[in-house]
């Protein structure tokens, strides 16, 4: 099996797990942490995986949520800054093949070479995003974009259901 075929298989396994976990999780924080741990653990070029959520008290700020990978100094990011801010401001996935060539990039690690950020929407409104960094330049192709956007979609549905049902109130 080629590396690409293995990655497709792993992404499929993650999505299958996420669908099931989102249907039954009682804890938002636990679901998000398990999601980043699984993605980070199964996809070796995904060197940092995390969530930034809009601050409920200040929609102009993103707050770092659960993540897997090296610690980041960027625990709060204005939506007017960085690749993460751009994804919120543009309302769409942002893929950067070479972070060193993008003036929006907020340096977290000298090892990071590329990044993908996909907004998470609940009831049509952006509530956060999934952010993934790689130590490999141009690491995120079409299949990665589809995968990350699908993760964001599943989580967005989860947040809609949680808010309506009160489920997931813990964390």
N, C-alpha and C. Protein backbone atom coordinates (compact mmCIF):
# COMPACT_ATOMS: atom_id res chain seq x y z
N UNK A 1 0.85 -1.18 0.00
CA UNK A 1 0.00 0.00 0.00
C UNK A 1 0.90 1.24 0.00
N UNK A 2 0.59 2.20 -0.86
CA UNK A 2 1.39 3.43 -0.96
C UNK A 2 1.10 4.35 0.22
N UNK A 3 1.95 5.34 0.42
CA UNK A 3 1.75 6.31 1.50
C UNK A 3 0.44 7.05 1.30
N UNK A 4 0.13 7.41 0.04
CA UNK A 4 -1.12 8.12 -0.25
C UNK A 4 -2.33 7.25 0.07
N UNK A 5 -2.28 5.97 -0.29
CA UNK A 5 -3.39 5.07 -0.01
C UNK A 5 -3.58 4.88 1.50
N UNK A 6 -2.46 4.80 2.21
CA UNK A 6 -2.52 4.66 3.65
C UNK A 6 -3.14 5.91 4.29
N UNK A 7 -2.78 7.08 3.79
CA UNK A 7 -3.34 8.33 4.32
C UNK A 7 -4.85 8.39 4.07
N UNK A 8 -5.28 7.95 2.88
CA UNK A 8 -6.72 7.93 2.57
C UNK A 8 -7.44 7.00 3.55
N UNK A 9 -6.86 5.85 3.80
CA UNK A 9 -7.45 4.89 4.73
C UNK A 9 -7.53 5.48 6.14
N UNK A 10 -6.46 6.10 6.59
CA UNK A 10 -6.43 6.70 7.94
C UNK A 10 -7.45 7.83 8.05
N UNK A 11 -7.54 8.69 7.03
CA UNK A 11 -8.52 9.78 7.07
C UNK A 11 -9.94 9.21 7.15
N UNK A 12 -10.20 8.14 6.41
CA UNK A 12 -11.51 7.50 6.46
C UNK A 12 -11.82 6.94 7.84
N UNK A 13 -10.83 6.32 8.47
CA UNK A 13 -11.01 5.78 9.83
C UNK A 13 -11.31 6.91 10.81
N UNK A 14 -10.61 8.02 10.68
CA UNK A 14 -10.82 9.16 11.58
C UNK A 14 -12.23 9.71 11.40
N UNK A 15 -12.66 9.88 10.17
CA UNK A 15 -14.00 10.43 9.92
C UNK A 15 -15.07 9.49 10.46
N UNK A 16 -14.87 8.19 10.27
CA UNK A 16 -15.84 7.22 10.80
C UNK A 16 -15.90 7.31 12.32
N UNK A 17 -14.74 7.39 12.97
CA UNK A 17 -14.72 7.53 14.42
C UNK A 17 -15.40 8.83 14.85
N UNK A 18 -15.09 9.93 14.17
CA UNK A 18 -15.62 11.23 14.54
C UNK A 18 -17.14 11.27 14.42
N UNK A 19 -17.68 10.68 13.37
CA UNK A 19 -19.14 10.61 13.22
C UNK A 19 -19.76 9.92 14.43
N UNK A 20 -19.20 8.79 14.83
CA UNK A 20 -19.73 8.06 15.98
C UNK A 20 -19.55 8.81 17.28
N UNK A 21 -18.38 9.38 17.48
CA UNK A 21 -18.09 10.10 18.71
C UNK A 21 -18.97 11.35 18.83
N UNK A 22 -19.17 12.04 17.73
CA UNK A 22 -20.00 13.25 17.75
C UNK A 22 -21.46 12.91 18.04
N UNK A 23 -21.87 11.71 17.68
CA UNK A 23 -23.26 11.30 17.92
C UNK A 23 -23.50 10.94 19.39
N UNK A 24 -22.43 10.70 20.14
CA UNK A 24 -22.63 10.20 21.50
C UNK A 24 -21.87 10.94 22.59
N UNK A 25 -20.98 11.84 22.24
CA UNK A 25 -20.13 12.48 23.25
C UNK A 25 -20.94 13.37 24.19
N UNK A 26 -20.65 13.24 25.47
CA UNK A 26 -21.30 14.07 26.48
C UNK A 26 -20.45 15.28 26.86
N UNK A 27 -19.22 15.36 26.33
CA UNK A 27 -18.33 16.44 26.71
C UNK A 27 -17.69 17.06 25.48
N UNK A 28 -17.94 18.35 25.28
CA UNK A 28 -17.34 19.06 24.16
C UNK A 28 -15.82 19.02 24.23
N UNK A 29 -15.28 19.35 25.41
CA UNK A 29 -13.82 19.40 25.57
C UNK A 29 -13.19 18.04 25.30
N UNK A 30 -13.83 17.00 25.80
CA UNK A 30 -13.31 15.64 25.59
C UNK A 30 -13.35 15.26 24.11
N UNK A 31 -14.45 15.57 23.44
CA UNK A 31 -14.56 15.26 22.02
C UNK A 31 -13.47 15.99 21.22
N UNK A 32 -13.27 17.26 21.49
CA UNK A 32 -12.26 18.01 20.76
C UNK A 32 -10.86 17.49 21.05
N UNK A 33 -10.57 17.18 22.30
CA UNK A 33 -9.23 16.65 22.64
C UNK A 33 -9.00 15.30 21.99
N UNK A 34 -9.99 14.42 22.05
CA UNK A 34 -9.85 13.11 21.41
C UNK A 34 -9.66 13.26 19.91
N UNK A 35 -10.35 14.22 19.31
CA UNK A 35 -10.24 14.44 17.87
C UNK A 35 -8.83 14.87 17.49
N UNK A 36 -8.27 15.86 18.19
CA UNK A 36 -6.92 16.31 17.83
C UNK A 36 -5.90 15.22 18.12
N UNK A 37 -6.08 14.48 19.20
CA UNK A 37 -5.14 13.40 19.51
C UNK A 37 -5.15 12.33 18.42
N UNK A 38 -6.34 11.97 17.96
CA UNK A 38 -6.46 10.94 16.93
C UNK A 38 -5.87 11.40 15.60
N UNK A 39 -6.21 12.60 15.17
CA UNK A 39 -5.68 13.12 13.90
C UNK A 39 -4.17 13.22 13.98
N UNK A 40 -3.66 13.80 15.04
CA UNK A 40 -2.22 13.98 15.22
C UNK A 40 -1.51 12.62 15.25
N UNK A 41 -2.12 11.65 15.91
CA UNK A 41 -1.50 10.34 16.04
C UNK A 41 -1.52 9.49 14.78
N UNK A 42 -2.55 9.65 13.96
CA UNK A 42 -2.70 8.79 12.78
C UNK A 42 -2.12 9.37 11.49
N UNK A 43 -1.96 10.69 11.43
CA UNK A 43 -1.48 11.32 10.20
C UNK A 43 -0.14 12.00 10.48
N UNK A 44 0.95 11.33 10.14
CA UNK A 44 2.28 11.79 10.56
C UNK A 44 2.72 13.15 10.02
N UNK A 45 2.14 13.62 8.93
CA UNK A 45 2.53 14.95 8.44
C UNK A 45 1.70 16.06 9.09
N UNK A 46 0.74 15.70 9.93
CA UNK A 46 -0.06 16.67 10.67
C UNK A 46 0.63 16.87 12.02
N UNK A 47 1.60 17.77 12.06
CA UNK A 47 2.48 17.89 13.22
C UNK A 47 1.89 18.68 14.38
N UNK A 48 0.93 19.54 14.10
CA UNK A 48 0.22 20.27 15.16
C UNK A 48 -1.24 20.33 14.72
N UNK A 49 -2.13 19.91 15.60
CA UNK A 49 -3.56 19.90 15.31
C UNK A 49 -4.27 20.54 16.50
N UNK A 50 -5.06 21.56 16.22
CA UNK A 50 -5.75 22.21 17.33
C UNK A 50 -7.00 22.94 16.90
N UNK A 51 -7.72 23.39 17.91
CA UNK A 51 -8.93 24.16 17.70
C UNK A 51 -8.74 25.56 18.27
N UNK A 52 -9.23 26.52 17.53
CA UNK A 52 -9.40 27.88 18.03
C UNK A 52 -10.89 28.16 17.95
N UNK A 53 -11.45 28.60 19.06
CA UNK A 53 -12.88 28.89 19.10
C UNK A 53 -13.07 30.39 19.34
N UNK A 54 -14.11 30.94 18.73
CA UNK A 54 -14.41 32.35 18.97
C UNK A 54 -14.78 32.55 20.45
N UNK A 55 -14.22 33.56 21.03
CA UNK A 55 -14.49 33.90 22.42
C UNK A 55 -15.96 34.35 22.52
N UNK A 56 -16.78 33.67 23.32
CA UNK A 56 -18.20 34.06 23.43
C UNK A 56 -18.40 35.49 23.93
N UNK A 57 -17.42 36.00 24.68
CA UNK A 57 -17.53 37.36 25.22
C UNK A 57 -16.93 38.41 24.29
N UNK A 58 -16.19 37.96 23.27
CA UNK A 58 -15.53 38.89 22.34
C UNK A 58 -15.32 38.20 21.00
N UNK A 59 -16.29 38.32 20.11
CA UNK A 59 -16.26 37.62 18.82
C UNK A 59 -15.13 38.07 17.90
N UNK A 60 -14.34 39.05 18.33
CA UNK A 60 -13.19 39.47 17.53
C UNK A 60 -11.92 38.71 17.92
N UNK A 61 -12.06 37.76 18.86
CA UNK A 61 -10.90 37.00 19.34
C UNK A 61 -11.13 35.50 19.23
N UNK A 62 -10.09 34.82 18.79
CA UNK A 62 -10.07 33.36 18.79
C UNK A 62 -9.29 32.91 20.02
N UNK A 63 -9.81 31.89 20.70
CA UNK A 63 -9.14 31.34 21.88
C UNK A 63 -8.69 29.92 21.58
N UNK A 64 -7.47 29.61 21.98
CA UNK A 64 -6.94 28.27 21.80
C UNK A 64 -7.75 27.28 22.61
N UNK A 65 -8.15 26.21 21.95
CA UNK A 65 -8.84 25.12 22.61
C UNK A 65 -7.91 23.92 22.68
N UNK A 66 -8.47 22.72 22.74
CA UNK A 66 -7.64 21.52 22.78
C UNK A 66 -6.72 21.44 21.55
N UNK A 67 -5.51 20.94 21.79
CA UNK A 67 -4.56 20.77 20.69
C UNK A 67 -3.64 19.59 20.99
N UNK A 68 -2.98 19.10 19.94
CA UNK A 68 -1.97 18.06 20.05
C UNK A 68 -0.75 18.53 19.26
N UNK A 69 0.40 18.46 19.89
CA UNK A 69 1.64 18.96 19.29
C UNK A 69 2.31 19.90 20.27
N UNK A 70 3.31 20.59 19.79
CA UNK A 70 4.08 21.50 20.65
C UNK A 70 3.21 22.64 21.15
N UNK A 71 3.54 23.13 22.34
CA UNK A 71 2.83 24.28 22.90
C UNK A 71 3.00 25.48 21.97
N UNK A 72 2.00 26.35 21.95
CA UNK A 72 2.03 27.55 21.12
C UNK A 72 1.90 28.79 22.00
N UNK A 73 2.60 29.86 21.64
CA UNK A 73 2.43 31.10 22.39
C UNK A 73 1.12 31.82 22.03
N UNK A 74 0.47 31.38 20.96
CA UNK A 74 -0.73 32.05 20.46
C UNK A 74 -1.99 31.44 21.06
N UNK A 75 -2.31 31.87 22.27
CA UNK A 75 -3.49 31.35 22.96
C UNK A 75 -4.72 32.19 22.65
N UNK A 76 -4.52 33.42 22.20
CA UNK A 76 -5.60 34.30 21.75
C UNK A 76 -5.13 34.99 20.48
N UNK A 77 -5.96 34.94 19.44
CA UNK A 77 -5.61 35.54 18.16
C UNK A 77 -6.76 36.43 17.70
N UNK A 78 -6.49 37.70 17.44
CA UNK A 78 -7.55 38.55 16.86
C UNK A 78 -7.94 38.00 15.48
N UNK A 79 -9.22 38.09 15.15
CA UNK A 79 -9.67 37.57 13.85
C UNK A 79 -9.12 38.39 12.69
N UNK A 80 -8.44 39.46 12.99
CA UNK A 80 -7.81 40.28 11.95
C UNK A 80 -6.36 39.90 11.71
N UNK A 81 -5.87 38.86 12.41
CA UNK A 81 -4.46 38.49 12.31
C UNK A 81 -4.27 37.02 11.99
N UNK A 82 -3.18 36.73 11.30
CA UNK A 82 -2.76 35.37 11.07
C UNK A 82 -3.60 34.61 10.07
N UNK A 83 -3.17 33.39 9.81
CA UNK A 83 -3.90 32.48 8.92
C UNK A 83 -5.23 32.12 9.58
N UNK A 84 -5.19 31.92 10.91
CA UNK A 84 -6.43 31.59 11.63
C UNK A 84 -7.44 32.72 11.52
N UNK A 85 -6.98 33.95 11.69
CA UNK A 85 -7.87 35.09 11.55
C UNK A 85 -8.41 35.20 10.13
N UNK A 86 -7.56 34.92 9.15
CA UNK A 86 -7.98 34.99 7.74
C UNK A 86 -9.10 34.00 7.43
N UNK A 87 -9.02 32.81 8.01
CA UNK A 87 -10.06 31.81 7.75
C UNK A 87 -11.41 32.29 8.28
N UNK A 88 -11.40 32.95 9.44
CA UNK A 88 -12.64 33.49 9.99
C UNK A 88 -13.11 34.68 9.15
N UNK A 89 -12.20 35.60 8.87
CA UNK A 89 -12.55 36.82 8.13
C UNK A 89 -13.09 36.49 6.73
N UNK A 90 -12.47 35.50 6.06
CA UNK A 90 -12.90 35.12 4.71
C UNK A 90 -14.06 34.14 4.74
N UNK A 91 -14.25 33.47 5.87
CA UNK A 91 -15.33 32.50 5.99
C UNK A 91 -15.09 31.25 5.17
N UNK A 92 -13.82 30.93 4.94
CA UNK A 92 -13.51 29.74 4.14
C UNK A 92 -12.17 29.16 4.55
N UNK A 93 -11.94 27.94 4.12
CA UNK A 93 -10.69 27.25 4.40
C UNK A 93 -9.53 28.00 3.75
N UNK A 94 -8.44 28.10 4.51
CA UNK A 94 -7.22 28.71 4.01
C UNK A 94 -6.12 27.65 4.03
N UNK A 95 -5.47 27.46 2.89
CA UNK A 95 -4.34 26.54 2.78
C UNK A 95 -3.12 27.36 2.39
N UNK A 96 -2.05 27.21 3.17
CA UNK A 96 -0.81 27.92 2.88
C UNK A 96 0.28 26.88 2.68
N UNK A 97 0.81 26.82 1.46
CA UNK A 97 1.84 25.84 1.13
C UNK A 97 3.19 26.18 1.73
N UNK A 98 3.48 27.47 1.89
CA UNK A 98 4.76 27.93 2.43
C UNK A 98 4.49 29.09 3.39
N UNK A 99 4.44 28.79 4.68
CA UNK A 99 4.09 29.82 5.65
C UNK A 99 5.11 30.96 5.68
N UNK A 100 6.35 30.67 5.34
CA UNK A 100 7.38 31.71 5.35
C UNK A 100 7.17 32.74 4.25
N UNK A 101 6.39 32.39 3.24
CA UNK A 101 6.12 33.31 2.14
C UNK A 101 4.81 34.06 2.33
N UNK A 102 4.08 33.77 3.40
CA UNK A 102 2.79 34.41 3.63
C UNK A 102 2.91 35.41 4.78
N UNK A 103 2.74 36.69 4.49
CA UNK A 103 2.92 37.71 5.53
C UNK A 103 1.89 37.63 6.66
N UNK A 104 0.80 36.89 6.46
CA UNK A 104 -0.21 36.74 7.52
C UNK A 104 0.22 35.76 8.60
N UNK A 105 1.18 34.92 8.30
CA UNK A 105 1.55 33.83 9.20
C UNK A 105 2.08 34.35 10.54
N UNK A 106 1.52 33.85 11.64
CA UNK A 106 2.02 34.12 12.99
C UNK A 106 2.89 32.94 13.38
N UNK A 107 4.17 33.16 13.46
CA UNK A 107 5.11 32.07 13.71
C UNK A 107 4.89 31.43 15.06
N UNK A 108 4.68 30.12 15.03
CA UNK A 108 4.53 29.34 16.26
C UNK A 108 5.74 28.44 16.44
N UNK A 109 6.29 27.98 15.32
CA UNK A 109 7.42 27.05 15.36
C UNK A 109 8.25 27.26 14.10
N UNK A 110 9.56 27.25 14.27
CA UNK A 110 10.42 27.39 13.09
C UNK A 110 10.34 26.16 12.20
N UNK A 111 9.80 25.07 12.75
CA UNK A 111 9.65 23.84 11.97
C UNK A 111 8.44 23.85 11.05
N UNK A 112 7.44 24.68 11.33
CA UNK A 112 6.22 24.71 10.53
C UNK A 112 6.52 25.23 9.14
N UNK A 113 6.06 24.49 8.14
CA UNK A 113 6.27 24.87 6.74
C UNK A 113 4.96 25.15 6.01
N UNK A 114 3.88 24.48 6.42
CA UNK A 114 2.59 24.69 5.76
C UNK A 114 1.47 24.57 6.78
N UNK A 115 0.30 25.11 6.39
CA UNK A 115 -0.81 25.18 7.33
C UNK A 115 -2.14 25.11 6.58
N UNK A 116 -3.13 24.51 7.23
CA UNK A 116 -4.50 24.52 6.73
C UNK A 116 -5.42 24.86 7.90
N UNK A 117 -6.38 25.75 7.65
CA UNK A 117 -7.34 26.16 8.67
C UNK A 117 -8.73 26.14 8.04
N UNK A 118 -9.64 25.41 8.68
CA UNK A 118 -11.02 25.32 8.18
C UNK A 118 -11.98 25.81 9.25
N UNK A 119 -12.87 26.74 8.89
CA UNK A 119 -13.86 27.24 9.85
C UNK A 119 -14.86 26.15 10.25
N UNK A 120 -15.31 26.23 11.48
CA UNK A 120 -16.38 25.37 11.99
C UNK A 120 -17.61 26.26 12.12
N UNK A 121 -18.71 25.82 11.51
CA UNK A 121 -19.96 26.60 11.55
C UNK A 121 -21.04 25.82 12.29
N UNK A 122 -21.81 26.55 13.08
CA UNK A 122 -23.02 26.00 13.70
C UNK A 122 -24.14 26.97 13.35
N UNK A 123 -25.22 26.44 12.80
CA UNK A 123 -26.36 27.26 12.37
C UNK A 123 -25.91 28.38 11.43
N UNK A 124 -24.94 28.06 10.57
CA UNK A 124 -24.48 29.00 9.56
C UNK A 124 -23.48 30.03 10.04
N UNK A 125 -23.21 30.07 11.33
CA UNK A 125 -22.28 31.06 11.89
C UNK A 125 -20.96 30.40 12.26
N UNK A 126 -19.85 31.07 11.96
CA UNK A 126 -18.55 30.54 12.35
C UNK A 126 -18.42 30.64 13.86
N UNK A 127 -18.08 29.50 14.48
CA UNK A 127 -17.90 29.46 15.94
C UNK A 127 -16.45 29.13 16.32
N UNK A 128 -15.68 28.69 15.34
CA UNK A 128 -14.29 28.32 15.61
C UNK A 128 -13.67 27.75 14.36
N UNK A 129 -12.57 27.03 14.57
CA UNK A 129 -11.86 26.47 13.42
C UNK A 129 -10.94 25.35 13.87
N UNK A 130 -10.61 24.51 12.91
CA UNK A 130 -9.60 23.49 13.11
C UNK A 130 -8.36 23.96 12.35
N UNK A 131 -7.23 23.93 13.03
CA UNK A 131 -5.97 24.44 12.51
C UNK A 131 -4.95 23.31 12.52
N UNK A 132 -4.30 23.09 11.39
CA UNK A 132 -3.30 22.02 11.30
C UNK A 132 -2.04 22.57 10.64
N UNK A 133 -0.91 22.31 11.30
CA UNK A 133 0.41 22.71 10.78
C UNK A 133 1.19 21.47 10.41
N UNK A 134 2.08 21.63 9.42
CA UNK A 134 2.96 20.53 9.02
C UNK A 134 4.39 21.04 8.92
N UNK A 135 5.32 20.14 9.21
CA UNK A 135 6.73 20.44 9.04
C UNK A 135 7.18 20.20 7.60
N UNK A 136 6.23 19.85 6.75
CA UNK A 136 6.48 19.59 5.33
C UNK A 136 5.84 20.71 4.51
N UNK A 137 6.60 21.28 3.58
CA UNK A 137 6.04 22.31 2.69
C UNK A 137 4.98 21.69 1.80
N UNK A 138 3.96 22.46 1.49
CA UNK A 138 2.87 22.04 0.60
C UNK A 138 2.31 20.67 1.00
N UNK A 139 2.11 20.47 2.28
CA UNK A 139 1.66 19.16 2.80
C UNK A 139 0.18 18.89 2.57
N UNK A 140 -0.61 19.95 2.29
CA UNK A 140 -2.05 19.78 2.27
C UNK A 140 -2.61 19.91 0.86
N UNK A 141 -3.01 18.76 0.31
CA UNK A 141 -3.59 18.72 -1.02
C UNK A 141 -5.11 18.71 -0.96
N UNK A 142 -5.72 18.42 -2.10
CA UNK A 142 -7.18 18.40 -2.20
C UNK A 142 -7.81 17.43 -1.21
N UNK A 143 -7.24 16.23 -1.08
CA UNK A 143 -7.80 15.24 -0.17
C UNK A 143 -7.74 15.71 1.28
N UNK A 144 -6.65 16.39 1.64
CA UNK A 144 -6.52 16.92 3.00
C UNK A 144 -7.57 17.99 3.25
N UNK A 145 -7.77 18.84 2.26
CA UNK A 145 -8.77 19.90 2.41
C UNK A 145 -10.16 19.31 2.60
N UNK A 146 -10.51 18.33 1.80
CA UNK A 146 -11.82 17.67 1.93
C UNK A 146 -11.94 17.04 3.32
N UNK A 147 -10.89 16.39 3.78
CA UNK A 147 -10.88 15.75 5.10
C UNK A 147 -11.08 16.78 6.22
N UNK A 148 -10.29 17.84 6.21
CA UNK A 148 -10.36 18.84 7.28
C UNK A 148 -11.72 19.54 7.27
N UNK A 149 -12.22 19.85 6.08
CA UNK A 149 -13.54 20.48 5.99
C UNK A 149 -14.64 19.53 6.47
N UNK A 150 -14.49 18.25 6.21
CA UNK A 150 -15.48 17.27 6.68
C UNK A 150 -15.44 17.19 8.21
N UNK A 151 -14.25 17.20 8.80
CA UNK A 151 -14.14 17.22 10.26
C UNK A 151 -14.85 18.44 10.82
N UNK A 152 -14.62 19.61 10.21
CA UNK A 152 -15.25 20.84 10.66
C UNK A 152 -16.77 20.75 10.54
N UNK A 153 -17.25 20.13 9.47
CA UNK A 153 -18.69 19.98 9.26
C UNK A 153 -19.31 19.08 10.34
N UNK A 154 -18.67 17.96 10.62
CA UNK A 154 -19.19 17.03 11.63
C UNK A 154 -19.23 17.72 12.99
N UNK A 155 -18.17 18.44 13.31
CA UNK A 155 -18.12 19.13 14.60
C UNK A 155 -19.14 20.26 14.67
N UNK A 156 -19.35 20.95 13.56
CA UNK A 156 -20.37 22.00 13.52
C UNK A 156 -21.75 21.43 13.81
N UNK A 157 -22.06 20.28 13.23
CA UNK A 157 -23.35 19.63 13.52
C UNK A 157 -23.44 19.24 14.99
N UNK A 158 -22.33 18.73 15.52
CA UNK A 158 -22.29 18.38 16.95
C UNK A 158 -22.61 19.60 17.80
N UNK A 159 -21.99 20.73 17.52
CA UNK A 159 -22.22 21.94 18.31
C UNK A 159 -23.66 22.43 18.17
N UNK A 160 -24.27 22.26 17.00
CA UNK A 160 -25.68 22.62 16.84
C UNK A 160 -26.56 21.77 17.75
N UNK A 161 -26.33 20.47 17.73
CA UNK A 161 -27.13 19.53 18.52
C UNK A 161 -26.92 19.77 20.01
N UNK A 162 -25.67 19.96 20.40
CA UNK A 162 -25.34 20.18 21.81
C UNK A 162 -26.06 21.41 22.34
N UNK A 163 -26.02 22.49 21.57
CA UNK A 163 -26.64 23.73 22.01
C UNK A 163 -28.15 23.56 22.14
N UNK A 164 -28.76 22.86 21.20
CA UNK A 164 -30.21 22.70 21.21
C UNK A 164 -30.68 21.73 22.30
N UNK A 165 -29.89 20.67 22.54
CA UNK A 165 -30.33 19.65 23.47
C UNK A 165 -29.80 19.84 24.89
N UNK A 166 -28.77 20.68 25.01
CA UNK A 166 -28.13 20.82 26.31
C UNK A 166 -27.12 19.72 26.56
N UNK A 167 -27.04 18.75 25.64
CA UNK A 167 -26.06 17.67 25.76
C UNK A 167 -24.67 18.27 25.63
N UNK A 168 -23.73 17.72 26.30
CA UNK A 168 -22.35 18.19 26.18
C UNK A 168 -22.09 19.42 27.04
N UNK A 169 -22.95 19.66 27.99
CA UNK A 169 -22.78 20.84 28.84
C UNK A 169 -21.49 20.76 29.66
N UNK A 170 -21.01 19.55 29.90
CA UNK A 170 -19.73 19.40 30.63
C UNK A 170 -18.61 19.70 29.65
N UNK A 171 -17.93 20.79 29.85
CA UNK A 171 -16.76 21.14 29.03
C UNK A 171 -17.12 21.54 27.69
